[in-house]
Amino acid sequence: MPTVLALMPPSASLRDSYRSLIAECVASGEALVPFTLAFENADFDAFLARLSDCAAGIGVPDGFVAHSTFWLVRDQTEVVGVSNIRHALTPSLRREGGHIGYGIRPSSRRQGLGIAILQHSLQRAAGLGLSRVLITCGKSNIASASVIVRNGGVLESEEYLADRGEVVQRYWITNGYTD
C-alpha cells in the first residue's frame, strides 16, 4: 500500500509521535527547526491552544507575526515533519527566516519528504493569500537549498550574518497554488 502524506494542523491524537520527533532532533544535537518545536508541550492541550493563538496572531511577542504550524503526517500515524508559515514578513524575517520554516525528523530524511513538506506548505500559504513566498537557508545546507529550488525557488541574495556565523541564502517562490 502506498504511503499517504498529509500536512495537517497539530492534533492531540499525534502527541506521542510529535514528542518522539522532538526527542529525535534533540538526540541528534540539531537546532529545533522550525522554532515552534521548542515550545513547551508538557501540557499538550495548552501547547495546542498556544499554536492556535499564534495562528490568530494572539499573544505573539513583539517583533513576531501571526504564524501557523502544521505537521507532515505519514499514514495518519507518524509525524515526520513540521512546518511553520509566517503570515507576513518583518525586516528581521526578510533578513533570515522568511515565510516558511520546516524540518524533517532525522530518521525520515533522504526520502523526498523535504520536497513534500514545502510543496504542501506552499499550498497552505496560498490559502493565507501569500502569492510570493520568501524562504531562507544557510548556504552550507545544500539539501535545504535543493528542496527550495525543486519547489521553484529563485535565489535572490546571499549575506554573511555574523550573529549566525554563516552565509544565509534568500530564495523567492512565486506561489502557483491557489486556495
N, C-alpha and C. Protein backbone atom coordinates (compact mmCIF):
# COMPACT_ATOMS: atom_id res chain seq x y z
N MET A 1 0.84 -1.17 0.00
CA MET A 1 0.00 0.00 0.00
C MET A 1 0.89 1.24 0.00
N PRO A 2 0.61 2.22 -0.87
CA PRO A 2 1.45 3.42 -0.94
C PRO A 2 1.34 4.27 0.33
N THR A 3 2.42 4.98 0.59
CA THR A 3 2.46 5.89 1.73
C THR A 3 1.56 7.08 1.46
N VAL A 4 0.82 7.50 2.48
CA VAL A 4 -0.04 8.67 2.36
C VAL A 4 0.55 9.77 3.25
N LEU A 5 0.82 10.93 2.65
CA LEU A 5 1.33 12.08 3.38
C LEU A 5 0.26 13.17 3.40
N ALA A 6 0.12 13.80 4.56
CA ALA A 6 -0.83 14.91 4.69
C ALA A 6 -0.20 15.97 5.58
N LEU A 7 -0.38 17.23 5.22
CA LEU A 7 0.05 18.34 6.06
C LEU A 7 -1.18 18.79 6.82
N MET A 8 -1.17 18.54 8.13
CA MET A 8 -2.35 18.79 8.93
C MET A 8 -2.07 19.66 10.14
N PRO A 9 -3.11 20.28 10.67
CA PRO A 9 -2.93 21.04 11.90
C PRO A 9 -2.50 20.10 13.03
N PRO A 10 -1.78 20.61 14.01
CA PRO A 10 -1.39 19.79 15.15
C PRO A 10 -2.61 19.18 15.84
N SER A 11 -2.42 17.96 16.35
CA SER A 11 -3.53 17.22 16.92
C SER A 11 -3.09 16.44 18.16
N ALA A 12 -3.94 16.43 19.16
CA ALA A 12 -3.65 15.67 20.39
C ALA A 12 -3.49 14.18 20.09
N SER A 13 -4.14 13.69 19.07
CA SER A 13 -4.06 12.25 18.76
C SER A 13 -2.66 11.83 18.30
N LEU A 14 -1.84 12.81 17.90
CA LEU A 14 -0.48 12.51 17.43
C LEU A 14 0.58 12.99 18.43
N ARG A 15 0.18 13.23 19.66
CA ARG A 15 1.08 13.75 20.70
C ARG A 15 2.36 12.93 20.83
N ASP A 16 2.23 11.62 20.97
CA ASP A 16 3.41 10.78 21.21
C ASP A 16 4.36 10.80 20.01
N SER A 17 3.82 10.78 18.81
CA SER A 17 4.67 10.82 17.62
C SER A 17 5.37 12.17 17.51
N TYR A 18 4.65 13.25 17.82
CA TYR A 18 5.26 14.58 17.80
C TYR A 18 6.40 14.66 18.81
N ARG A 19 6.15 14.18 20.00
CA ARG A 19 7.19 14.22 21.03
C ARG A 19 8.39 13.36 20.64
N SER A 20 8.16 12.26 19.96
CA SER A 20 9.30 11.43 19.54
C SER A 20 10.11 12.13 18.45
N LEU A 21 9.45 12.92 17.60
CA LEU A 21 10.18 13.71 16.60
C LEU A 21 11.10 14.70 17.30
N ILE A 22 10.59 15.39 18.32
CA ILE A 22 11.42 16.34 19.06
C ILE A 22 12.59 15.62 19.72
N ALA A 23 12.31 14.49 20.37
CA ALA A 23 13.37 13.74 21.05
C ALA A 23 14.45 13.31 20.06
N GLU A 24 14.04 12.93 18.87
CA GLU A 24 15.00 12.52 17.84
C GLU A 24 15.87 13.69 17.41
N CYS A 25 15.27 14.85 17.24
CA CYS A 25 16.03 16.05 16.86
C CYS A 25 17.01 16.44 17.96
N VAL A 26 16.56 16.40 19.21
CA VAL A 26 17.42 16.75 20.34
C VAL A 26 18.58 15.76 20.44
N ALA A 27 18.29 14.47 20.29
CA ALA A 27 19.32 13.43 20.37
C ALA A 27 20.38 13.60 19.28
N SER A 28 19.96 14.15 18.13
CA SER A 28 20.91 14.34 17.03
C SER A 28 21.78 15.58 17.24
N GLY A 29 21.43 16.39 18.25
CA GLY A 29 22.21 17.59 18.54
C GLY A 29 21.90 18.76 17.64
N GLU A 30 20.82 18.69 16.90
CA GLU A 30 20.46 19.75 15.96
C GLU A 30 19.61 20.82 16.62
N ALA A 31 19.64 21.99 16.01
CA ALA A 31 18.73 23.05 16.43
C ALA A 31 17.31 22.62 16.08
N LEU A 32 16.35 23.05 16.88
CA LEU A 32 14.96 22.71 16.61
C LEU A 32 14.39 23.67 15.58
N VAL A 33 14.12 23.15 14.39
CA VAL A 33 13.60 23.94 13.27
C VAL A 33 12.37 23.22 12.73
N PRO A 34 11.25 23.95 12.64
CA PRO A 34 11.05 25.36 12.92
C PRO A 34 11.03 25.65 14.42
N PHE A 35 11.05 26.93 14.74
CA PHE A 35 11.20 27.37 16.13
C PHE A 35 10.09 26.89 17.05
N THR A 36 8.91 26.58 16.52
CA THR A 36 7.81 26.14 17.38
C THR A 36 8.08 24.78 18.00
N LEU A 37 9.05 24.04 17.48
CA LEU A 37 9.42 22.77 18.11
C LEU A 37 9.94 22.98 19.53
N ALA A 38 10.43 24.18 19.81
CA ALA A 38 10.96 24.48 21.14
C ALA A 38 9.86 24.90 22.13
N PHE A 39 8.64 25.05 21.67
CA PHE A 39 7.55 25.43 22.58
C PHE A 39 7.33 24.32 23.60
N GLU A 40 7.13 24.69 24.84
CA GLU A 40 6.84 23.74 25.92
C GLU A 40 5.56 22.96 25.58
N ASN A 41 5.61 21.63 25.77
CA ASN A 41 4.42 20.84 25.44
C ASN A 41 4.06 19.81 26.50
N ALA A 42 4.54 20.00 27.73
CA ALA A 42 4.18 19.07 28.81
C ALA A 42 2.66 19.03 28.99
N ASP A 43 2.03 20.21 28.97
CA ASP A 43 0.57 20.29 28.97
C ASP A 43 0.18 20.42 27.50
N PHE A 44 -0.13 19.29 26.89
CA PHE A 44 -0.30 19.27 25.43
C PHE A 44 -1.50 20.09 24.98
N ASP A 45 -2.55 20.11 25.77
CA ASP A 45 -3.72 20.93 25.40
C ASP A 45 -3.36 22.41 25.39
N ALA A 46 -2.57 22.83 26.37
CA ALA A 46 -2.12 24.24 26.41
C ALA A 46 -1.20 24.53 25.24
N PHE A 47 -0.36 23.58 24.87
CA PHE A 47 0.53 23.72 23.71
C PHE A 47 -0.29 23.91 22.43
N LEU A 48 -1.30 23.05 22.25
CA LEU A 48 -2.15 23.17 21.05
C LEU A 48 -2.90 24.51 21.03
N ALA A 49 -3.34 24.96 22.21
CA ALA A 49 -4.03 26.26 22.29
C ALA A 49 -3.06 27.39 21.93
N ARG A 50 -1.80 27.27 22.37
CA ARG A 50 -0.81 28.30 22.04
C ARG A 50 -0.59 28.37 20.53
N LEU A 51 -0.47 27.21 19.89
CA LEU A 51 -0.28 27.20 18.44
C LEU A 51 -1.48 27.82 17.73
N SER A 52 -2.67 27.52 18.21
CA SER A 52 -3.88 28.10 17.63
C SER A 52 -3.90 29.61 17.81
N ASP A 53 -3.52 30.07 18.99
CA ASP A 53 -3.45 31.51 19.24
C ASP A 53 -2.43 32.17 18.32
N CYS A 54 -1.27 31.54 18.14
CA CYS A 54 -0.24 32.10 17.26
C CYS A 54 -0.77 32.28 15.84
N ALA A 55 -1.54 31.31 15.36
CA ALA A 55 -2.11 31.40 14.01
C ALA A 55 -3.08 32.57 13.89
N ALA A 56 -3.73 32.91 15.00
CA ALA A 56 -4.67 34.03 15.01
C ALA A 56 -3.98 35.35 15.36
N GLY A 57 -2.68 35.29 15.63
CA GLY A 57 -1.94 36.49 15.99
C GLY A 57 -2.13 36.91 17.44
N ILE A 58 -2.64 36.00 18.25
CA ILE A 58 -2.92 36.28 19.67
C ILE A 58 -1.71 35.89 20.51
N GLY A 59 -1.21 36.85 21.28
CA GLY A 59 -0.13 36.55 22.21
C GLY A 59 1.24 36.38 21.57
N VAL A 60 1.39 36.78 20.31
CA VAL A 60 2.73 36.68 19.70
C VAL A 60 3.60 37.81 20.24
N PRO A 61 4.84 37.52 20.52
CA PRO A 61 5.72 38.56 21.09
C PRO A 61 5.94 39.72 20.11
N ASP A 62 6.34 40.85 20.65
CA ASP A 62 6.70 42.00 19.82
C ASP A 62 7.74 41.56 18.80
N GLY A 63 7.60 42.04 17.58
CA GLY A 63 8.54 41.69 16.52
C GLY A 63 8.18 40.42 15.78
N PHE A 64 7.18 39.68 16.27
CA PHE A 64 6.72 38.46 15.61
C PHE A 64 5.44 38.77 14.85
N VAL A 65 5.05 37.86 13.98
CA VAL A 65 3.80 37.98 13.24
C VAL A 65 2.98 36.72 13.48
N ALA A 66 1.71 36.77 13.11
CA ALA A 66 0.89 35.56 13.18
C ALA A 66 1.58 34.48 12.37
N HIS A 67 1.53 33.25 12.88
CA HIS A 67 2.18 32.13 12.18
C HIS A 67 1.43 30.83 12.46
N SER A 68 1.31 30.02 11.42
CA SER A 68 0.59 28.75 11.51
C SER A 68 1.55 27.58 11.44
N THR A 69 1.34 26.63 12.34
CA THR A 69 2.18 25.42 12.38
C THR A 69 1.37 24.24 11.87
N PHE A 70 2.04 23.41 11.06
CA PHE A 70 1.41 22.20 10.51
C PHE A 70 2.37 21.03 10.68
N TRP A 71 1.81 19.83 10.75
CA TRP A 71 2.60 18.62 10.85
C TRP A 71 2.45 17.81 9.57
N LEU A 72 3.58 17.35 9.04
CA LEU A 72 3.55 16.41 7.92
C LEU A 72 3.42 15.02 8.53
N VAL A 73 2.31 14.36 8.22
CA VAL A 73 1.97 13.09 8.84
C VAL A 73 1.96 11.99 7.79
N ARG A 74 2.67 10.92 8.11
CA ARG A 74 2.73 9.75 7.22
C ARG A 74 1.72 8.72 7.70
N ASP A 75 0.87 8.28 6.78
CA ASP A 75 -0.11 7.22 7.04
C ASP A 75 -0.97 7.49 8.27
N GLN A 76 -1.27 8.74 8.52
CA GLN A 76 -2.16 9.18 9.59
C GLN A 76 -1.67 8.83 10.99
N THR A 77 -0.41 8.37 11.12
CA THR A 77 0.06 7.91 12.43
C THR A 77 1.39 8.49 12.87
N GLU A 78 2.25 8.92 11.93
CA GLU A 78 3.59 9.34 12.29
C GLU A 78 3.88 10.76 11.83
N VAL A 79 4.25 11.62 12.79
CA VAL A 79 4.66 12.98 12.45
C VAL A 79 6.10 12.89 11.96
N VAL A 80 6.30 13.18 10.67
CA VAL A 80 7.64 13.08 10.08
C VAL A 80 8.26 14.45 9.81
N GLY A 81 7.45 15.51 9.93
CA GLY A 81 7.97 16.85 9.71
C GLY A 81 7.06 17.90 10.30
N VAL A 82 7.62 19.10 10.46
CA VAL A 82 6.86 20.23 10.99
C VAL A 82 7.16 21.45 10.12
N SER A 83 6.12 22.19 9.82
CA SER A 83 6.22 23.39 9.01
C SER A 83 5.61 24.56 9.77
N ASN A 84 6.22 25.73 9.63
CA ASN A 84 5.68 26.94 10.24
C ASN A 84 5.63 28.01 9.16
N ILE A 85 4.44 28.58 8.98
CA ILE A 85 4.22 29.59 7.94
C ILE A 85 3.93 30.92 8.61
N ARG A 86 4.82 31.89 8.35
CA ARG A 86 4.61 33.24 8.86
C ARG A 86 3.69 33.97 7.88
N HIS A 87 2.67 34.62 8.40
CA HIS A 87 1.64 35.23 7.57
C HIS A 87 2.09 36.52 6.91
N ALA A 88 3.18 37.10 7.38
CA ALA A 88 3.71 38.35 6.83
C ALA A 88 5.21 38.37 7.12
N LEU A 89 5.89 39.35 6.53
CA LEU A 89 7.33 39.49 6.76
C LEU A 89 7.61 40.76 7.56
N THR A 90 8.54 40.65 8.48
CA THR A 90 9.10 41.80 9.18
C THR A 90 10.48 42.02 8.58
N PRO A 91 11.13 43.15 8.87
CA PRO A 91 12.52 43.31 8.39
C PRO A 91 13.43 42.16 8.85
N SER A 92 13.22 41.69 10.07
CA SER A 92 14.02 40.57 10.58
C SER A 92 13.78 39.29 9.78
N LEU A 93 12.52 39.00 9.46
CA LEU A 93 12.21 37.79 8.67
C LEU A 93 12.69 37.92 7.23
N ARG A 94 12.77 39.15 6.71
CA ARG A 94 13.33 39.34 5.37
C ARG A 94 14.83 39.03 5.38
N ARG A 95 15.46 39.32 6.49
CA ARG A 95 16.90 39.06 6.63
C ARG A 95 17.16 37.57 6.76
N GLU A 96 16.37 36.92 7.63
CA GLU A 96 16.52 35.48 7.84
C GLU A 96 15.23 34.93 8.41
N GLY A 97 14.81 33.80 7.90
CA GLY A 97 13.59 33.17 8.38
C GLY A 97 12.53 33.06 7.30
N GLY A 98 12.23 34.18 6.65
CA GLY A 98 11.27 34.17 5.56
C GLY A 98 9.86 33.80 6.00
N HIS A 99 9.06 33.38 5.03
CA HIS A 99 7.67 33.00 5.30
C HIS A 99 7.54 31.58 5.85
N ILE A 100 8.39 30.66 5.40
CA ILE A 100 8.20 29.25 5.75
C ILE A 100 9.49 28.68 6.32
N GLY A 101 9.34 28.02 7.46
CA GLY A 101 10.42 27.23 8.03
C GLY A 101 9.90 25.82 8.19
N TYR A 102 10.76 24.84 8.00
CA TYR A 102 10.31 23.44 8.09
C TYR A 102 11.47 22.55 8.49
N GLY A 103 11.13 21.42 9.03
CA GLY A 103 12.13 20.44 9.41
C GLY A 103 11.56 19.04 9.28
N ILE A 104 12.44 18.11 9.00
CA ILE A 104 12.07 16.69 8.86
C ILE A 104 12.78 15.89 9.95
N ARG A 105 12.08 14.95 10.53
CA ARG A 105 12.63 14.04 11.52
C ARG A 105 13.92 13.41 10.96
N PRO A 106 15.02 13.41 11.72
CA PRO A 106 16.29 12.88 11.19
C PRO A 106 16.19 11.49 10.55
N SER A 107 15.45 10.58 11.15
CA SER A 107 15.37 9.22 10.60
C SER A 107 14.52 9.14 9.34
N SER A 108 13.84 10.22 8.98
CA SER A 108 12.97 10.22 7.80
C SER A 108 13.53 11.06 6.65
N ARG A 109 14.77 11.49 6.79
CA ARG A 109 15.37 12.31 5.73
C ARG A 109 15.81 11.44 4.56
N ARG A 110 16.10 12.13 3.45
CA ARG A 110 16.56 11.48 2.23
C ARG A 110 15.50 10.56 1.63
N GLN A 111 14.24 10.95 1.86
CA GLN A 111 13.10 10.18 1.32
C GLN A 111 12.15 11.08 0.52
N GLY A 112 12.60 12.29 0.21
CA GLY A 112 11.76 13.21 -0.54
C GLY A 112 10.75 13.97 0.31
N LEU A 113 10.85 13.84 1.63
CA LEU A 113 9.86 14.48 2.50
C LEU A 113 10.06 15.99 2.61
N GLY A 114 11.29 16.46 2.44
CA GLY A 114 11.53 17.90 2.43
C GLY A 114 10.80 18.55 1.27
N ILE A 115 10.90 17.94 0.11
CA ILE A 115 10.20 18.44 -1.07
C ILE A 115 8.69 18.44 -0.81
N ALA A 116 8.20 17.35 -0.22
CA ALA A 116 6.76 17.22 0.03
C ALA A 116 6.27 18.25 1.04
N ILE A 117 7.01 18.44 2.15
CA ILE A 117 6.52 19.38 3.17
C ILE A 117 6.51 20.81 2.63
N LEU A 118 7.50 21.17 1.83
CA LEU A 118 7.50 22.52 1.27
C LEU A 118 6.38 22.67 0.25
N GLN A 119 6.17 21.66 -0.57
CA GLN A 119 5.08 21.72 -1.55
C GLN A 119 3.73 21.90 -0.86
N HIS A 120 3.48 21.09 0.17
CA HIS A 120 2.22 21.21 0.92
C HIS A 120 2.13 22.56 1.64
N SER A 121 3.27 23.04 2.15
CA SER A 121 3.28 24.33 2.85
C SER A 121 2.97 25.47 1.90
N LEU A 122 3.44 25.37 0.66
CA LEU A 122 3.11 26.39 -0.34
C LEU A 122 1.61 26.42 -0.60
N GLN A 123 0.98 25.25 -0.60
CA GLN A 123 -0.48 25.21 -0.77
C GLN A 123 -1.18 25.90 0.40
N ARG A 124 -0.70 25.64 1.60
CA ARG A 124 -1.28 26.28 2.79
C ARG A 124 -1.03 27.80 2.75
N ALA A 125 0.17 28.19 2.30
CA ALA A 125 0.50 29.62 2.21
C ALA A 125 -0.44 30.32 1.23
N ALA A 126 -0.78 29.64 0.14
CA ALA A 126 -1.72 30.22 -0.82
C ALA A 126 -3.06 30.48 -0.15
N GLY A 127 -3.46 29.57 0.72
CA GLY A 127 -4.71 29.75 1.46
C GLY A 127 -4.66 30.95 2.39
N LEU A 128 -3.46 31.39 2.75
CA LEU A 128 -3.30 32.59 3.58
C LEU A 128 -3.12 33.85 2.73
N GLY A 129 -3.20 33.67 1.40
CA GLY A 129 -3.08 34.81 0.50
C GLY A 129 -1.65 35.14 0.10
N LEU A 130 -0.71 34.24 0.37
CA LEU A 130 0.69 34.50 0.04
C LEU A 130 0.99 34.00 -1.37
N SER A 131 1.07 34.93 -2.31
CA SER A 131 1.31 34.56 -3.70
C SER A 131 2.81 34.53 -4.04
N ARG A 132 3.60 35.12 -3.18
CA ARG A 132 5.06 35.13 -3.35
C ARG A 132 5.66 34.87 -1.97
N VAL A 133 6.52 33.87 -1.89
CA VAL A 133 6.99 33.39 -0.59
C VAL A 133 8.51 33.46 -0.52
N LEU A 134 9.02 34.00 0.59
CA LEU A 134 10.46 34.04 0.85
C LEU A 134 10.84 32.88 1.75
N ILE A 135 11.90 32.16 1.36
CA ILE A 135 12.43 31.07 2.18
C ILE A 135 13.93 31.26 2.26
N THR A 136 14.47 31.10 3.46
CA THR A 136 15.91 31.26 3.65
C THR A 136 16.52 29.98 4.17
N CYS A 137 17.82 29.83 3.92
CA CYS A 137 18.56 28.69 4.49
C CYS A 137 20.04 29.04 4.52
N GLY A 138 20.76 28.35 5.37
CA GLY A 138 22.20 28.50 5.40
C GLY A 138 22.79 27.98 4.10
N LYS A 139 23.78 28.68 3.57
CA LYS A 139 24.39 28.27 2.31
C LYS A 139 24.97 26.87 2.40
N SER A 140 25.44 26.49 3.58
CA SER A 140 26.03 25.15 3.75
C SER A 140 24.98 24.05 3.77
N ASN A 141 23.70 24.42 3.90
CA ASN A 141 22.62 23.43 3.93
C ASN A 141 22.18 23.13 2.50
N ILE A 142 22.99 22.36 1.82
CA ILE A 142 22.76 22.06 0.41
C ILE A 142 21.45 21.31 0.20
N ALA A 143 21.10 20.43 1.13
CA ALA A 143 19.84 19.68 0.99
C ALA A 143 18.65 20.63 1.01
N SER A 144 18.66 21.60 1.93
CA SER A 144 17.55 22.55 2.01
C SER A 144 17.49 23.42 0.75
N ALA A 145 18.64 23.90 0.31
CA ALA A 145 18.66 24.71 -0.92
C ALA A 145 18.10 23.93 -2.10
N SER A 146 18.43 22.65 -2.18
CA SER A 146 17.93 21.80 -3.25
C SER A 146 16.41 21.65 -3.18
N VAL A 147 15.88 21.47 -1.97
CA VAL A 147 14.43 21.36 -1.78
C VAL A 147 13.74 22.66 -2.24
N ILE A 148 14.31 23.78 -1.88
CA ILE A 148 13.73 25.08 -2.24
C ILE A 148 13.73 25.25 -3.76
N VAL A 149 14.85 24.95 -4.40
CA VAL A 149 14.95 25.09 -5.86
C VAL A 149 14.00 24.12 -6.55
N ARG A 150 13.88 22.90 -6.04
CA ARG A 150 12.96 21.91 -6.63
C ARG A 150 11.50 22.36 -6.55
N ASN A 151 11.22 23.26 -5.61
CA ASN A 151 9.87 23.79 -5.47
C ASN A 151 9.72 25.16 -6.14
N GLY A 152 10.68 25.52 -7.00
CA GLY A 152 10.56 26.75 -7.77
C GLY A 152 11.31 27.93 -7.20
N GLY A 153 12.11 27.73 -6.17
CA GLY A 153 12.84 28.83 -5.56
C GLY A 153 13.88 29.44 -6.48
N VAL A 154 13.95 30.76 -6.46
CA VAL A 154 14.92 31.51 -7.23
C VAL A 154 15.77 32.31 -6.24
N LEU A 155 17.08 32.09 -6.29
CA LEU A 155 17.99 32.77 -5.38
C LEU A 155 17.96 34.27 -5.62
N GLU A 156 17.67 35.02 -4.55
CA GLU A 156 17.66 36.47 -4.66
C GLU A 156 18.99 37.05 -4.16
N SER A 157 19.47 36.54 -3.02
CA SER A 157 20.68 37.12 -2.44
C SER A 157 21.31 36.17 -1.44
N GLU A 158 22.55 36.49 -1.10
CA GLU A 158 23.29 35.80 -0.05
C GLU A 158 23.92 36.88 0.83
N GLU A 159 23.98 36.58 2.12
CA GLU A 159 24.57 37.55 3.04
C GLU A 159 25.20 36.80 4.21
N TYR A 160 26.41 37.20 4.56
CA TYR A 160 27.04 36.64 5.75
C TYR A 160 26.41 37.31 6.96
N LEU A 161 25.86 36.50 7.86
CA LEU A 161 25.26 37.01 9.09
C LEU A 161 26.18 36.65 10.25
N ALA A 162 26.84 37.65 10.79
CA ALA A 162 27.82 37.42 11.85
C ALA A 162 27.20 36.75 13.07
N ASP A 163 25.95 37.12 13.42
CA ASP A 163 25.32 36.52 14.59
C ASP A 163 25.04 35.03 14.39
N ARG A 164 24.93 34.59 13.16
CA ARG A 164 24.74 33.17 12.85
C ARG A 164 26.06 32.49 12.51
N GLY A 165 27.04 33.30 12.11
CA GLY A 165 28.33 32.74 11.73
C GLY A 165 28.31 32.00 10.41
N GLU A 166 27.39 32.38 9.52
CA GLU A 166 27.31 31.72 8.22
C GLU A 166 26.62 32.60 7.20
N VAL A 167 26.75 32.18 5.96
CA VAL A 167 26.08 32.86 4.86
C VAL A 167 24.65 32.33 4.77
N VAL A 168 23.69 33.24 4.69
CA VAL A 168 22.29 32.89 4.53
C VAL A 168 21.87 33.22 3.11
N GLN A 169 21.17 32.27 2.49
CA GLN A 169 20.64 32.47 1.15
C GLN A 169 19.16 32.80 1.25
N ARG A 170 18.70 33.68 0.37
CA ARG A 170 17.29 34.06 0.32
C ARG A 170 16.72 33.68 -1.05
N TYR A 171 15.68 32.87 -1.00
CA TYR A 171 15.02 32.40 -2.22
C TYR A 171 13.57 32.89 -2.23
N TRP A 172 13.09 33.27 -3.40
CA TRP A 172 11.69 33.61 -3.58
C TRP A 172 11.02 32.53 -4.43
N ILE A 173 9.81 32.19 -4.05
CA ILE A 173 8.99 31.26 -4.84
C ILE A 173 7.70 31.98 -5.19
N THR A 174 7.42 32.07 -6.48
CA THR A 174 6.12 32.57 -6.91
C THR A 174 5.17 31.42 -6.72
N ASN A 175 4.22 31.61 -5.83
CA ASN A 175 3.35 30.52 -5.41
C ASN A 175 2.27 30.27 -6.46
N GLY A 176 2.40 29.15 -7.16
CA GLY A 176 1.47 28.80 -8.21
C GLY A 176 0.19 28.16 -7.72
N TYR A 177 0.08 27.93 -6.41
CA TYR A 177 -1.12 27.32 -5.85
C TYR A 177 -2.17 28.38 -5.61
N THR A 178 -3.40 27.99 -5.66
CA THR A 178 -4.50 28.89 -5.31
C THR A 178 -5.30 28.21 -4.23
N ASP A 179 -5.97 29.02 -3.43
CA ASP A 179 -6.73 28.44 -2.32
C ASP A 179 -8.09 27.96 -2.72
